[in-house]
Amino acid sequence: MALDLLQSGYATLAYEIAEERASALGRLGRRLEAALTALATCPRTTHSDRKIRDGLVEQAGYALWLFVVQREACGLRKIDHVIQVYGVPNEVLARMGPLARPSIQPTKTVGAEVALPPMF
């Protein structure tokens, strides 16, 4: 009886963990799609919008990185499929990784030297 309860509890926990992994993967996939869509709306030829485009490429590279890391956490290791299905441009693939300059700046708080920005 106790063993059945233990196995049942473990199975429930394992199911909830798998459910959260899948949910996070879906959220990050939608984030990547949104970043790639925003990048596609910014023309590559306009010199006046180069800073905007660079920012969009950086955000898309960050979204790609987050998505690939979550896929790896789910046991999906091949990035080629992601690049093909989502149509990831080479410039985004080259910028894949954490943001060089976080968009959230550290702020001072009472009783602490500096509060660090969230990692994600």
N, C-alpha and C. Protein backbone atom coordinates (compact mmCIF):
# COMPACT_ATOMS: atom_id res chain seq x y z
N MET A 1 0.81 -1.19 0.00
CA MET A 1 0.00 0.00 0.00
C MET A 1 0.86 1.26 0.00
N ALA A 2 1.87 1.33 0.89
CA ALA A 2 2.74 2.50 0.97
C ALA A 2 3.55 2.66 -0.31
N LEU A 3 3.96 1.53 -0.87
CA LEU A 3 4.73 1.58 -2.12
C LEU A 3 3.88 2.12 -3.26
N ASP A 4 2.60 1.75 -3.29
CA ASP A 4 1.69 2.27 -4.33
C ASP A 4 1.52 3.78 -4.20
N LEU A 5 1.40 4.27 -2.97
CA LEU A 5 1.27 5.72 -2.75
C LEU A 5 2.53 6.45 -3.18
N LEU A 6 3.69 5.86 -2.87
CA LEU A 6 4.96 6.47 -3.25
C LEU A 6 5.09 6.52 -4.77
N GLN A 7 4.78 5.42 -5.43
CA GLN A 7 4.86 5.37 -6.89
C GLN A 7 3.84 6.32 -7.52
N SER A 8 2.66 6.40 -6.94
CA SER A 8 1.63 7.29 -7.45
C SER A 8 2.07 8.75 -7.30
N GLY A 9 2.65 9.09 -6.15
CA GLY A 9 3.14 10.45 -5.93
C GLY A 9 4.27 10.80 -6.88
N TYR A 10 5.18 9.84 -7.10
CA TYR A 10 6.29 10.08 -8.02
C TYR A 10 5.77 10.25 -9.45
N ALA A 11 4.82 9.43 -9.84
CA ALA A 11 4.27 9.52 -11.19
C ALA A 11 3.57 10.87 -11.39
N THR A 12 2.87 11.33 -10.37
CA THR A 12 2.20 12.63 -10.46
C THR A 12 3.22 13.75 -10.60
N LEU A 13 4.27 13.70 -9.80
CA LEU A 13 5.32 14.72 -9.87
C LEU A 13 6.03 14.69 -11.22
N ALA A 14 6.35 13.50 -11.70
CA ALA A 14 7.02 13.37 -13.00
C ALA A 14 6.14 13.93 -14.11
N TYR A 15 4.84 13.68 -14.03
CA TYR A 15 3.91 14.21 -15.02
C TYR A 15 3.87 15.73 -14.98
N GLU A 16 3.81 16.30 -13.79
CA GLU A 16 3.76 17.76 -13.66
C GLU A 16 5.05 18.41 -14.14
N ILE A 17 6.18 17.78 -13.90
CA ILE A 17 7.46 18.31 -14.39
C ILE A 17 7.49 18.28 -15.91
N ALA A 18 7.07 17.17 -16.49
CA ALA A 18 7.03 17.06 -17.96
C ALA A 18 6.07 18.08 -18.55
N GLU A 19 4.94 18.28 -17.88
CA GLU A 19 3.95 19.26 -18.34
C GLU A 19 4.55 20.68 -18.32
N GLU A 20 5.28 21.02 -17.27
CA GLU A 20 5.88 22.35 -17.18
C GLU A 20 6.99 22.53 -18.22
N ARG A 21 7.78 21.50 -18.47
CA ARG A 21 8.81 21.57 -19.51
C ARG A 21 8.18 21.85 -20.88
N ALA A 22 7.11 21.13 -21.17
CA ALA A 22 6.42 21.32 -22.45
C ALA A 22 5.80 22.71 -22.54
N SER A 23 5.24 23.18 -21.45
CA SER A 23 4.64 24.51 -21.43
C SER A 23 5.70 25.59 -21.66
N ALA A 24 6.83 25.45 -20.98
CA ALA A 24 7.93 26.40 -21.16
C ALA A 24 8.45 26.36 -22.59
N LEU A 25 8.54 25.19 -23.16
CA LEU A 25 9.00 25.06 -24.54
C LEU A 25 8.04 25.77 -25.49
N GLY A 26 6.76 25.63 -25.26
CA GLY A 26 5.77 26.32 -26.08
C GLY A 26 5.88 27.84 -25.96
N ARG A 27 6.01 28.33 -24.72
CA ARG A 27 6.15 29.78 -24.51
C ARG A 27 7.39 30.32 -25.20
N LEU A 28 8.50 29.60 -25.08
CA LEU A 28 9.75 30.07 -25.69
C LEU A 28 9.70 29.96 -27.21
N GLY A 29 8.98 28.98 -27.72
CA GLY A 29 8.79 28.87 -29.17
C GLY A 29 7.99 30.05 -29.71
N ARG A 30 6.95 30.43 -28.99
CA ARG A 30 6.16 31.61 -29.40
C ARG A 30 6.99 32.88 -29.30
N ARG A 31 7.84 32.95 -28.29
CA ARG A 31 8.72 34.12 -28.15
C ARG A 31 9.69 34.20 -29.32
N LEU A 32 10.24 33.06 -29.73
CA LEU A 32 11.14 33.03 -30.88
C LEU A 32 10.40 33.44 -32.15
N GLU A 33 9.20 32.92 -32.35
CA GLU A 33 8.41 33.29 -33.52
C GLU A 33 8.14 34.79 -33.55
N ALA A 34 7.79 35.37 -32.41
CA ALA A 34 7.52 36.81 -32.35
C ALA A 34 8.77 37.62 -32.67
N ALA A 35 9.91 37.18 -32.14
CA ALA A 35 11.17 37.90 -32.40
C ALA A 35 11.55 37.82 -33.88
N LEU A 36 11.36 36.65 -34.48
CA LEU A 36 11.68 36.51 -35.91
C LEU A 36 10.71 37.29 -36.78
N THR A 37 9.45 37.37 -36.38
CA THR A 37 8.46 38.16 -37.12
C THR A 37 8.81 39.65 -37.04
N ALA A 38 9.18 40.12 -35.86
CA ALA A 38 9.57 41.52 -35.71
C ALA A 38 10.80 41.83 -36.54
N LEU A 39 11.73 40.91 -36.59
CA LEU A 39 12.93 41.10 -37.40
C LEU A 39 12.59 41.15 -38.88
N ALA A 40 11.67 40.31 -39.31
CA ALA A 40 11.29 40.27 -40.73
C ALA A 40 10.62 41.57 -41.18
N THR A 41 10.01 42.30 -40.27
CA THR A 41 9.34 43.56 -40.63
C THR A 41 10.32 44.72 -40.78
N CYS A 42 11.55 44.54 -40.32
CA CYS A 42 12.56 45.61 -40.41
C CYS A 42 13.45 45.33 -41.62
N PRO A 43 13.40 46.19 -42.62
CA PRO A 43 14.20 45.93 -43.83
C PRO A 43 15.69 45.98 -43.54
N ARG A 44 16.41 45.16 -44.28
CA ARG A 44 17.85 45.04 -44.08
C ARG A 44 18.61 46.18 -44.76
N THR A 45 18.01 46.88 -45.69
CA THR A 45 18.73 47.85 -46.50
C THR A 45 18.73 49.27 -45.95
N THR A 46 17.81 49.60 -45.08
CA THR A 46 17.69 50.97 -44.59
C THR A 46 18.81 51.27 -43.61
N HIS A 47 19.64 52.27 -43.91
CA HIS A 47 20.77 52.62 -43.05
C HIS A 47 20.32 53.34 -41.79
N SER A 48 19.25 54.10 -41.86
CA SER A 48 18.80 54.85 -40.69
C SER A 48 18.23 53.95 -39.60
N ASP A 49 17.78 52.75 -39.97
CA ASP A 49 17.20 51.83 -39.00
C ASP A 49 18.18 50.72 -38.59
N ARG A 50 19.47 50.91 -38.84
CA ARG A 50 20.45 49.86 -38.55
C ARG A 50 20.50 49.51 -37.06
N LYS A 51 20.40 50.52 -36.19
CA LYS A 51 20.43 50.25 -34.75
C LYS A 51 19.20 49.45 -34.33
N ILE A 52 18.07 49.79 -34.92
CA ILE A 52 16.84 49.06 -34.61
C ILE A 52 16.97 47.61 -35.04
N ARG A 53 17.46 47.41 -36.27
CA ARG A 53 17.63 46.04 -36.78
C ARG A 53 18.63 45.25 -35.94
N ASP A 54 19.73 45.89 -35.55
CA ASP A 54 20.71 45.20 -34.71
C ASP A 54 20.08 44.76 -33.39
N GLY A 55 19.25 45.62 -32.82
CA GLY A 55 18.55 45.26 -31.59
C GLY A 55 17.60 44.10 -31.78
N LEU A 56 16.91 44.09 -32.91
CA LEU A 56 15.98 42.99 -33.21
C LEU A 56 16.73 41.67 -33.44
N VAL A 57 17.88 41.75 -34.10
CA VAL A 57 18.70 40.56 -34.30
C VAL A 57 19.20 40.03 -32.96
N GLU A 58 19.61 40.94 -32.09
CA GLU A 58 20.09 40.54 -30.76
C GLU A 58 18.97 39.88 -29.95
N GLN A 59 17.77 40.46 -29.99
CA GLN A 59 16.63 39.88 -29.27
C GLN A 59 16.25 38.51 -29.84
N ALA A 60 16.30 38.37 -31.17
CA ALA A 60 15.99 37.09 -31.79
C ALA A 60 17.05 36.05 -31.44
N GLY A 61 18.31 36.45 -31.40
CA GLY A 61 19.39 35.54 -31.00
C GLY A 61 19.22 35.07 -29.57
N TYR A 62 18.78 35.97 -28.71
CA TYR A 62 18.52 35.62 -27.31
C TYR A 62 17.33 34.67 -27.20
N ALA A 63 16.27 34.95 -27.95
CA ALA A 63 15.09 34.08 -27.94
C ALA A 63 15.45 32.69 -28.48
N LEU A 64 16.27 32.65 -29.51
CA LEU A 64 16.72 31.36 -30.06
C LEU A 64 17.52 30.59 -29.02
N TRP A 65 18.40 31.27 -28.32
CA TRP A 65 19.22 30.63 -27.30
C TRP A 65 18.35 30.04 -26.19
N LEU A 66 17.38 30.83 -25.72
CA LEU A 66 16.48 30.34 -24.67
C LEU A 66 15.72 29.10 -25.14
N PHE A 67 15.24 29.14 -26.38
CA PHE A 67 14.47 28.03 -26.93
C PHE A 67 15.33 26.77 -27.06
N VAL A 68 16.54 26.92 -27.55
CA VAL A 68 17.44 25.77 -27.73
C VAL A 68 17.82 25.17 -26.38
N VAL A 69 18.07 26.01 -25.38
CA VAL A 69 18.40 25.50 -24.05
C VAL A 69 17.23 24.70 -23.48
N GLN A 70 16.01 25.21 -23.64
CA GLN A 70 14.83 24.50 -23.13
C GLN A 70 14.63 23.20 -23.88
N ARG A 71 14.84 23.21 -25.19
CA ARG A 71 14.73 21.97 -25.97
C ARG A 71 15.73 20.93 -25.45
N GLU A 72 16.95 21.37 -25.17
CA GLU A 72 17.95 20.45 -24.65
C GLU A 72 17.54 19.90 -23.29
N ALA A 73 16.90 20.72 -22.46
CA ALA A 73 16.41 20.26 -21.17
C ALA A 73 15.32 19.19 -21.34
N CYS A 74 14.63 19.24 -22.46
CA CYS A 74 13.59 18.26 -22.77
C CYS A 74 14.15 17.03 -23.49
N GLY A 75 15.45 17.02 -23.74
CA GLY A 75 16.08 15.89 -24.41
C GLY A 75 16.14 16.00 -25.92
N LEU A 76 15.77 17.16 -26.46
CA LEU A 76 15.81 17.38 -27.92
C LEU A 76 17.10 18.13 -28.26
N ARG A 77 18.04 17.44 -28.85
CA ARG A 77 19.38 17.99 -28.99
C ARG A 77 19.70 18.62 -30.36
N LYS A 78 18.96 18.32 -31.40
CA LYS A 78 19.33 18.79 -32.74
C LYS A 78 18.78 20.18 -33.01
N ILE A 79 19.66 21.11 -33.28
CA ILE A 79 19.26 22.49 -33.55
C ILE A 79 18.89 22.68 -35.03
N ASP A 80 19.36 21.79 -35.89
CA ASP A 80 19.08 21.91 -37.33
C ASP A 80 17.58 21.97 -37.60
N HIS A 81 16.83 21.18 -36.89
CA HIS A 81 15.38 21.15 -37.06
C HIS A 81 14.77 22.50 -36.72
N VAL A 82 15.23 23.11 -35.65
CA VAL A 82 14.72 24.43 -35.23
C VAL A 82 15.02 25.47 -36.31
N ILE A 83 16.23 25.47 -36.80
CA ILE A 83 16.64 26.45 -37.81
C ILE A 83 15.79 26.31 -39.07
N GLN A 84 15.53 25.08 -39.46
CA GLN A 84 14.74 24.84 -40.67
C GLN A 84 13.27 25.20 -40.47
N VAL A 85 12.67 24.73 -39.39
CA VAL A 85 11.23 24.94 -39.17
C VAL A 85 10.91 26.42 -38.93
N TYR A 86 11.72 27.09 -38.13
CA TYR A 86 11.46 28.49 -37.81
C TYR A 86 12.06 29.45 -38.84
N GLY A 87 12.86 28.95 -39.76
CA GLY A 87 13.47 29.81 -40.78
C GLY A 87 14.41 30.84 -40.17
N VAL A 88 15.27 30.38 -39.28
CA VAL A 88 16.19 31.29 -38.57
C VAL A 88 17.25 31.79 -39.53
N PRO A 89 17.37 33.12 -39.70
CA PRO A 89 18.41 33.67 -40.57
C PRO A 89 19.80 33.45 -39.97
N ASN A 90 20.81 33.44 -40.83
CA ASN A 90 22.18 33.22 -40.37
C ASN A 90 22.65 34.31 -39.40
N GLU A 91 22.19 35.55 -39.60
CA GLU A 91 22.61 36.62 -38.71
C GLU A 91 22.09 36.41 -37.29
N VAL A 92 20.92 35.79 -37.16
CA VAL A 92 20.37 35.47 -35.84
C VAL A 92 21.13 34.30 -35.23
N LEU A 93 21.42 33.31 -36.04
CA LEU A 93 22.17 32.15 -35.56
C LEU A 93 23.56 32.58 -35.07
N ALA A 94 24.16 33.53 -35.76
CA ALA A 94 25.48 34.02 -35.35
C ALA A 94 25.42 34.79 -34.03
N ARG A 95 24.28 35.38 -33.72
CA ARG A 95 24.13 36.16 -32.48
C ARG A 95 23.43 35.38 -31.38
N MET A 96 23.24 34.06 -31.56
CA MET A 96 22.57 33.25 -30.56
C MET A 96 23.37 33.24 -29.26
N GLY A 97 22.71 33.57 -28.17
CA GLY A 97 23.36 33.54 -26.86
C GLY A 97 22.73 34.55 -25.93
N PRO A 98 23.29 34.65 -24.73
CA PRO A 98 22.74 35.61 -23.77
C PRO A 98 22.94 37.03 -24.26
N LEU A 99 22.12 37.93 -23.77
CA LEU A 99 22.23 39.34 -24.16
C LEU A 99 23.53 39.93 -23.64
N ALA A 100 24.19 40.69 -24.49
CA ALA A 100 25.44 41.34 -24.10
C ALA A 100 25.18 42.42 -23.06
N ARG A 101 24.09 43.17 -23.24
CA ARG A 101 23.72 44.20 -22.28
C ARG A 101 22.27 43.98 -21.89
N PRO A 102 22.04 43.56 -20.66
CA PRO A 102 20.66 43.31 -20.23
C PRO A 102 19.81 44.56 -20.34
N SER A 103 18.55 44.37 -20.70
CA SER A 103 17.64 45.51 -20.85
C SER A 103 17.20 46.06 -19.50
N ILE A 104 17.33 45.26 -18.45
CA ILE A 104 16.96 45.69 -17.11
C ILE A 104 18.24 46.10 -16.38
N GLN A 105 18.31 47.36 -16.00
CA GLN A 105 19.49 47.87 -15.32
C GLN A 105 19.40 47.60 -13.83
N PRO A 106 20.54 47.27 -13.18
CA PRO A 106 20.52 47.07 -11.74
C PRO A 106 20.09 48.35 -11.03
N THR A 107 19.38 48.20 -9.94
CA THR A 107 18.95 49.35 -9.17
C THR A 107 19.42 49.20 -7.73
N LYS A 108 19.56 50.34 -7.05
CA LYS A 108 19.97 50.31 -5.65
C LYS A 108 18.75 50.06 -4.78
N THR A 109 18.95 49.26 -3.74
CA THR A 109 17.88 49.00 -2.80
C THR A 109 18.37 49.27 -1.39
N VAL A 110 17.45 49.43 -0.48
CA VAL A 110 17.80 49.68 0.91
C VAL A 110 18.38 48.41 1.51
N GLY A 111 19.53 48.54 2.16
CA GLY A 111 20.14 47.40 2.83
C GLY A 111 20.97 46.51 1.92
N ALA A 112 21.06 46.81 0.66
CA ALA A 112 21.87 46.02 -0.26
C ALA A 112 22.63 46.96 -1.17
N GLU A 113 23.80 46.53 -1.59
CA GLU A 113 24.62 47.37 -2.46
C GLU A 113 23.94 47.55 -3.82
N VAL A 114 23.66 46.44 -4.51
CA VAL A 114 23.03 46.50 -5.83
C VAL A 114 22.15 45.28 -6.00
N ALA A 115 20.98 45.49 -6.51
CA ALA A 115 20.09 44.36 -6.84
C ALA A 115 20.40 43.93 -8.26
N LEU A 116 20.61 42.64 -8.46
CA LEU A 116 20.93 42.13 -9.78
C LEU A 116 19.67 41.94 -10.61
N PRO A 117 19.78 42.14 -11.93
CA PRO A 117 18.60 41.92 -12.78
C PRO A 117 18.30 40.44 -12.87
N PRO A 118 17.06 40.07 -13.17
CA PRO A 118 16.73 38.65 -13.31
C PRO A 118 17.50 38.03 -14.47
N MET A 119 17.79 36.73 -14.36
CA MET A 119 18.57 36.06 -15.40
C MET A 119 17.78 35.89 -16.67
N PHE A 120 16.45 35.72 -16.60
CA PHE A 120 15.66 35.51 -17.81
C PHE A 120 14.47 36.39 -17.81
